[in-house]
Structure formats: C-alpha cells, structure tokens
Amino acid sequence: MYKNIEKSSKLELKDLVVYQEGQVVSKTLVQNDLVSMTVFPLTREKKSRRTQQAAMRW
C-alpha cells in the first residue's frame, strides 16, 4: 500500500517536506506489513571546534 504517493510517480524527495525550526516534520511514503518509508527534512549546522574535537576522540 502506498500511503501518500501515486504509483509510478517521480518524486523529488527534497520537495516533499520542508524543514521547520523547532518542529519534527515527516511524511510517510509507504507503509505495509514489510516496509515503512518516511522522509524527514534535515539541516546542516556548523559544528563548533569543541564538538568536532570531541567527535574525533570517539
């Protein structure tokens, strides 16, 4: 079962959901007993030097 898309349609995933500050935004595309596919918008944040150094230690 396709939940929010038409069969055989071409999708631009970046256009399906829009990032919203402070919100969890998603769109479920396919959901059945075997598969669940959901799209979440993400943004890149510039990491501080301290965060980068801590990540490198792991």
PDB file of N, CA and C in Angstrom:
ATOM      1  N   MET A   1       0.834  -1.187   0.000  1.00  0.00           N
ATOM      2  CA  MET A   1       0.000   0.000   0.000  1.00  0.00           C
ATOM      3  C   MET A   1       0.875   1.246   0.000  1.00  0.00           C
ATOM      4  N   TYR A   2       0.621   2.122  -0.910  1.00  0.00           N
ATOM      5  CA  TYR A   2       1.289   3.407  -0.940  1.00  0.00           C
ATOM      6  C   TYR A   2       0.425   4.364  -0.147  1.00  0.00           C
ATOM      7  N   LYS A   3       1.035   5.084   0.764  1.00  0.00           N
ATOM      8  CA  LYS A   3       0.235   5.906   1.661  1.00  0.00           C
ATOM      9  C   LYS A   3       0.005   7.314   1.116  1.00  0.00           C
ATOM     10  N   ASN A   4       1.043   8.014   0.720  1.00  0.00           N
ATOM     11  CA  ASN A   4       0.915   9.410   0.315  1.00  0.00           C
ATOM     12  C   ASN A   4       1.501   9.698  -1.065  1.00  0.00           C
ATOM     13  N   ILE A   5       1.678   8.676  -1.869  1.00  0.00           N
ATOM     14  CA  ILE A   5       2.210   8.895  -3.216  1.00  0.00           C
ATOM     15  C   ILE A   5       1.441   8.057  -4.222  1.00  0.00           C
ATOM     16  N   GLU A   6       1.458   8.512  -5.435  1.00  0.00           N
ATOM     17  CA  GLU A   6       0.831   7.751  -6.507  1.00  0.00           C
ATOM     18  C   GLU A   6       1.829   6.727  -7.028  1.00  0.00           C
ATOM     19  N   LYS A   7       1.346   5.571  -7.436  1.00  0.00           N
ATOM     20  CA  LYS A   7       2.229   4.559  -8.007  1.00  0.00           C
ATOM     21  C   LYS A   7       2.863   5.097  -9.277  1.00  0.00           C
ATOM     22  N   SER A   8       4.085   4.697  -9.508  1.00  0.00           N
ATOM     23  CA  SER A   8       4.839   5.043 -10.713  1.00  0.00           C
ATOM     24  C   SER A   8       5.026   6.543 -10.896  1.00  0.00           C
ATOM     25  N   SER A   9       5.039   7.296  -9.817  1.00  0.00           N
ATOM     26  CA  SER A   9       5.279   8.733  -9.951  1.00  0.00           C
ATOM     27  C   SER A   9       6.721   9.058  -9.579  1.00  0.00           C
ATOM     28  N   LYS A  10       7.263  10.050 -10.229  1.00  0.00           N
ATOM     29  CA  LYS A  10       8.619  10.508  -9.953  1.00  0.00           C
ATOM     30  C   LYS A  10       8.545  11.535  -8.823  1.00  0.00           C
ATOM     31  N   LEU A  11       9.391  11.348  -7.807  1.00  0.00           N
ATOM     32  CA  LEU A  11       9.360  12.229  -6.647  1.00  0.00           C
ATOM     33  C   LEU A  11      10.673  12.970  -6.481  1.00  0.00           C
ATOM     34  N   GLU A  12      10.588  14.200  -6.088  1.00  0.00           N
ATOM     35  CA  GLU A  12      11.749  14.960  -5.646  1.00  0.00           C
ATOM     36  C   GLU A  12      11.675  14.965  -4.125  1.00  0.00           C
ATOM     37  N   LEU A  13      12.469  14.125  -3.474  1.00  0.00           N
ATOM     38  CA  LEU A  13      12.366  13.965  -2.032  1.00  0.00           C
ATOM     39  C   LEU A  13      12.569  15.276  -1.288  1.00  0.00           C
ATOM     40  N   LYS A  14      13.447  16.120  -1.805  1.00  0.00           N
ATOM     41  CA  LYS A  14      13.703  17.401  -1.132  1.00  0.00           C
ATOM     42  C   LYS A  14      12.491  18.314  -1.132  1.00  0.00           C
ATOM     43  N   ASP A  15      11.534  18.067  -1.995  1.00  0.00           N
ATOM     44  CA  ASP A  15      10.343  18.908  -2.076  1.00  0.00           C
ATOM     45  C   ASP A  15       9.149  18.350  -1.306  1.00  0.00           C
ATOM     46  N   LEU A  16       9.272  17.158  -0.742  1.00  0.00           N
ATOM     47  CA  LEU A  16       8.128  16.528  -0.076  1.00  0.00           C
ATOM     48  C   LEU A  16       7.823  17.113   1.293  1.00  0.00           C
ATOM     49  N   VAL A  17       8.850  17.474   2.045  1.00  0.00           N
ATOM     50  CA  VAL A  17       8.656  18.067   3.367  1.00  0.00           C
ATOM     51  C   VAL A  17       9.621  19.231   3.530  1.00  0.00           C
ATOM     52  N   VAL A  18       9.209  20.235   4.252  1.00  0.00           N
ATOM     53  CA  VAL A  18      10.010  21.446   4.448  1.00  0.00           C
ATOM     54  C   VAL A  18      10.481  21.500   5.899  1.00  0.00           C
ATOM     55  N   TYR A  19      11.771  21.782   6.078  1.00  0.00           N
ATOM     56  CA  TYR A  19      12.342  21.920   7.415  1.00  0.00           C
ATOM     57  C   TYR A  19      11.675  23.083   8.143  1.00  0.00           C
ATOM     58  N   GLN A  20      11.312  22.855   9.411  1.00  0.00           N
ATOM     59  CA  GLN A  20      10.727  23.893  10.243  1.00  0.00           C
ATOM     60  C   GLN A  20      11.470  23.930  11.567  1.00  0.00           C
ATOM     61  N   GLU A  21      12.050  25.055  11.896  1.00  0.00           N
ATOM     62  CA  GLU A  21      12.820  25.227  13.135  1.00  0.00           C
ATOM     63  C   GLU A  21      11.980  24.815  14.344  1.00  0.00           C
ATOM     64  N   GLY A  22      12.543  23.959  15.195  1.00  0.00           N
ATOM     65  CA  GLY A  22      11.889  23.548  16.422  1.00  0.00           C
ATOM     66  C   GLY A  22      10.748  22.552  16.242  1.00  0.00           C
ATOM     67  N   GLN A  23      10.568  22.014  15.043  1.00  0.00           N
ATOM     68  CA  GLN A  23       9.482  21.084  14.766  1.00  0.00           C
ATOM     69  C   GLN A  23      10.040  19.764  14.234  1.00  0.00           C
ATOM     70  N   VAL A  24       9.346  18.682  14.497  1.00  0.00           N
ATOM     71  CA  VAL A  24       9.661  17.400  13.866  1.00  0.00           C
ATOM     72  C   VAL A  24       8.656  17.239  12.739  1.00  0.00           C
ATOM     73  N   VAL A  25       9.169  17.281  11.516  1.00  0.00           N
ATOM     74  CA  VAL A  25       8.317  17.205  10.335  1.00  0.00           C
ATOM     75  C   VAL A  25       8.657  15.924   9.594  1.00  0.00           C
ATOM     76  N   SER A  26       7.642  15.204   9.138  1.00  0.00           N
ATOM     77  CA  SER A  26       7.890  13.974   8.392  1.00  0.00           C
ATOM     78  C   SER A  26       6.714  13.702   7.468  1.00  0.00           C
ATOM     79  N   LYS A  27       6.965  12.802   6.514  1.00  0.00           N
ATOM     80  CA  LYS A  27       5.896  12.347   5.627  1.00  0.00           C
ATOM     81  C   LYS A  27       6.129  10.867   5.348  1.00  0.00           C
ATOM     82  N   THR A  28       5.142  10.045   5.671  1.00  0.00           N
ATOM     83  CA  THR A  28       5.230   8.613   5.400  1.00  0.00           C
ATOM     84  C   THR A  28       4.849   8.374   3.950  1.00  0.00           C
ATOM     85  N   LEU A  29       5.743   7.715   3.218  1.00  0.00           N
ATOM     86  CA  LEU A  29       5.509   7.458   1.800  1.00  0.00           C
ATOM     87  C   LEU A  29       4.873   6.103   1.562  1.00  0.00           C
ATOM     88  N   VAL A  30       5.416   5.077   2.222  1.00  0.00           N
ATOM     89  CA  VAL A  30       4.932   3.704   2.037  1.00  0.00           C
ATOM     90  C   VAL A  30       4.845   3.050   3.401  1.00  0.00           C
ATOM     91  N   GLN A  31       3.766   2.313   3.625  1.00  0.00           N
ATOM     92  CA  GLN A  31       3.643   1.580   4.877  1.00  0.00           C
ATOM     93  C   GLN A  31       2.797   0.337   4.656  1.00  0.00           C
ATOM     94  N   ASN A  32       3.390  -0.811   4.971  1.00  0.00           N
ATOM     95  CA  ASN A  32       2.657  -2.077   4.928  1.00  0.00           C
ATOM     96  C   ASN A  32       3.277  -3.015   5.949  1.00  0.00           C
ATOM     97  N   ASP A  33       2.957  -4.277   5.911  1.00  0.00           N
ATOM     98  CA  ASP A  33       3.478  -5.224   6.902  1.00  0.00           C
ATOM     99  C   ASP A  33       4.990  -5.421   6.808  1.00  0.00           C
ATOM    100  N   LEU A  34       5.581  -5.162   5.650  1.00  0.00           N
ATOM    101  CA  LEU A  34       7.003  -5.412   5.439  1.00  0.00           C
ATOM    102  C   LEU A  34       7.862  -4.155   5.386  1.00  0.00           C
ATOM    103  N   VAL A  35       7.275  -3.041   4.991  1.00  0.00           N
ATOM    104  CA  VAL A  35       8.066  -1.833   4.731  1.00  0.00           C
ATOM    105  C   VAL A  35       7.372  -0.603   5.301  1.00  0.00           C
ATOM    106  N   SER A  36       8.178   0.275   5.847  1.00  0.00           N
ATOM    107  CA  SER A  36       7.696   1.597   6.225  1.00  0.00           C
ATOM    108  C   SER A  36       8.771   2.587   5.784  1.00  0.00           C
ATOM    109  N   MET A  37       8.407   3.558   4.965  1.00  0.00           N
ATOM    110  CA  MET A  37       9.372   4.526   4.458  1.00  0.00           C
ATOM    111  C   MET A  37       8.863   5.938   4.758  1.00  0.00           C
ATOM    112  N   THR A  38       9.643   6.674   5.551  1.00  0.00           N
ATOM    113  CA  THR A  38       9.263   8.016   5.970  1.00  0.00           C
ATOM    114  C   THR A  38      10.404   8.971   5.642  1.00  0.00           C
ATOM    115  N   VAL A  39      10.063  10.171   5.210  1.00  0.00           N
ATOM    116  CA  VAL A  39      11.043  11.200   4.866  1.00  0.00           C
ATOM    117  C   VAL A  39      11.049  12.265   5.962  1.00  0.00           C
ATOM    118  N   PHE A  40      12.255  12.639   6.416  1.00  0.00           N
ATOM    119  CA  PHE A  40      12.442  13.702   7.400  1.00  0.00           C
ATOM    120  C   PHE A  40      13.386  14.751   6.810  1.00  0.00           C
ATOM    121  N   PRO A  41      13.051  16.029   6.896  1.00  0.00           N
ATOM    122  CA  PRO A  41      13.993  17.048   6.422  1.00  0.00           C
ATOM    123  C   PRO A  41      15.057  17.311   7.495  1.00  0.00           C
ATOM    124  N   LEU A  42      16.287  17.494   7.069  1.00  0.00           N
ATOM    125  CA  LEU A  42      17.391  17.787   7.982  1.00  0.00           C
ATOM    126  C   LEU A  42      18.111  19.042   7.509  1.00  0.00           C
ATOM    127  N   THR A  43      18.780  19.681   8.426  1.00  0.00           N
ATOM    128  CA  THR A  43      19.595  20.836   8.069  1.00  0.00           C
ATOM    129  C   THR A  43      21.002  20.609   8.601  1.00  0.00           C
ATOM    130  N   ARG A  44      21.952  21.192   7.947  1.00  0.00           N
ATOM    131  CA  ARG A  44      23.332  21.101   8.426  1.00  0.00           C
ATOM    132  C   ARG A  44      23.595  22.276   9.344  1.00  0.00           C
ATOM    133  N   GLU A  45      24.167  21.963  10.487  1.00  0.00           N
ATOM    134  CA  GLU A  45      24.562  23.017  11.410  1.00  0.00           C
ATOM    135  C   GLU A  45      26.071  23.022  11.490  1.00  0.00           C
ATOM    136  N   LYS A  46      26.618  24.197  11.540  1.00  0.00           N
ATOM    137  CA  LYS A  46      28.059  24.315  11.653  1.00  0.00           C
ATOM    138  C   LYS A  46      28.463  23.896  13.064  1.00  0.00           C
ATOM    139  N   LYS A  47      29.350  22.912  13.146  1.00  0.00           N
ATOM    140  CA  LYS A  47      29.778  22.413  14.441  1.00  0.00           C
ATOM    141  C   LYS A  47      30.887  23.290  15.004  1.00  0.00           C
ATOM    142  N   SER A  48      30.858  23.455  16.301  1.00  0.00           N
ATOM    143  CA  SER A  48      31.919  24.216  16.950  1.00  0.00           C
ATOM    144  C   SER A  48      33.204  23.388  16.954  1.00  0.00           C
ATOM    145  N   ARG A  49      34.311  24.044  17.141  1.00  0.00           N
ATOM    146  CA  ARG A  49      35.595  23.347  17.171  1.00  0.00           C
ATOM    147  C   ARG A  49      35.615  22.314  18.305  1.00  0.00           C
ATOM    148  N   ARG A  50      35.019  22.655  19.450  1.00  0.00           N
ATOM    149  CA  ARG A  50      34.990  21.740  20.587  1.00  0.00           C
ATOM    150  C   ARG A  50      34.199  20.484  20.247  1.00  0.00           C
ATOM    151  N   THR A  51      33.063  20.641  19.581  1.00  0.00           N
ATOM    152  CA  THR A  51      32.246  19.487  19.183  1.00  0.00           C
ATOM    153  C   THR A  51      33.003  18.608  18.209  1.00  0.00           C
ATOM    154  N   GLN A  52      33.700  19.204  17.271  1.00  0.00           N
ATOM    155  CA  GLN A  52      34.491  18.434  16.301  1.00  0.00           C
ATOM    156  C   GLN A  52      35.577  17.644  16.987  1.00  0.00           C
ATOM    157  N   GLN A  53      36.263  18.272  17.952  1.00  0.00           N
ATOM    158  CA  GLN A  53      37.343  17.587  18.669  1.00  0.00           C
ATOM    159  C   GLN A  53      36.793  16.436  19.499  1.00  0.00           C
ATOM    160  N   ALA A  54      35.647  16.624  20.140  1.00  0.00           N
ATOM    161  CA  ALA A  54      35.041  15.557  20.943  1.00  0.00           C
ATOM    162  C   ALA A  54      34.651  14.384  20.047  1.00  0.00           C
ATOM    163  N   ALA A  55      34.117  14.666  18.880  1.00  0.00           N
ATOM    164  CA  ALA A  55      33.721  13.600  17.949  1.00  0.00           C
ATOM    165  C   ALA A  55      34.933  12.832  17.451  1.00  0.00           C
ATOM    166  N   MET A  56      36.041  13.502  17.265  1.00  0.00           N
ATOM    167  CA  MET A  56      37.252  12.842  16.780  1.00  0.00           C
ATOM    168  C   MET A  56      37.799  11.872  17.826  1.00  0.00           C
ATOM    169  N   ARG A  57      37.577  12.133  19.092  1.00  0.00           N
ATOM    170  CA  ARG A  57      38.070  11.248  20.153  1.00  0.00           C
ATOM    171  C   ARG A  57      37.344   9.919  20.171  1.00  0.00           C
ATOM    172  N   TRP A  58      36.103   9.886  19.706  1.00  0.00           N
ATOM    173  CA  TRP A  58      35.341   8.657  19.689  1.00  0.00           C
ATOM    174  C   TRP A  58      35.857   7.793  18.593  1.00  0.00           C
TER     175      TRP A  58
END
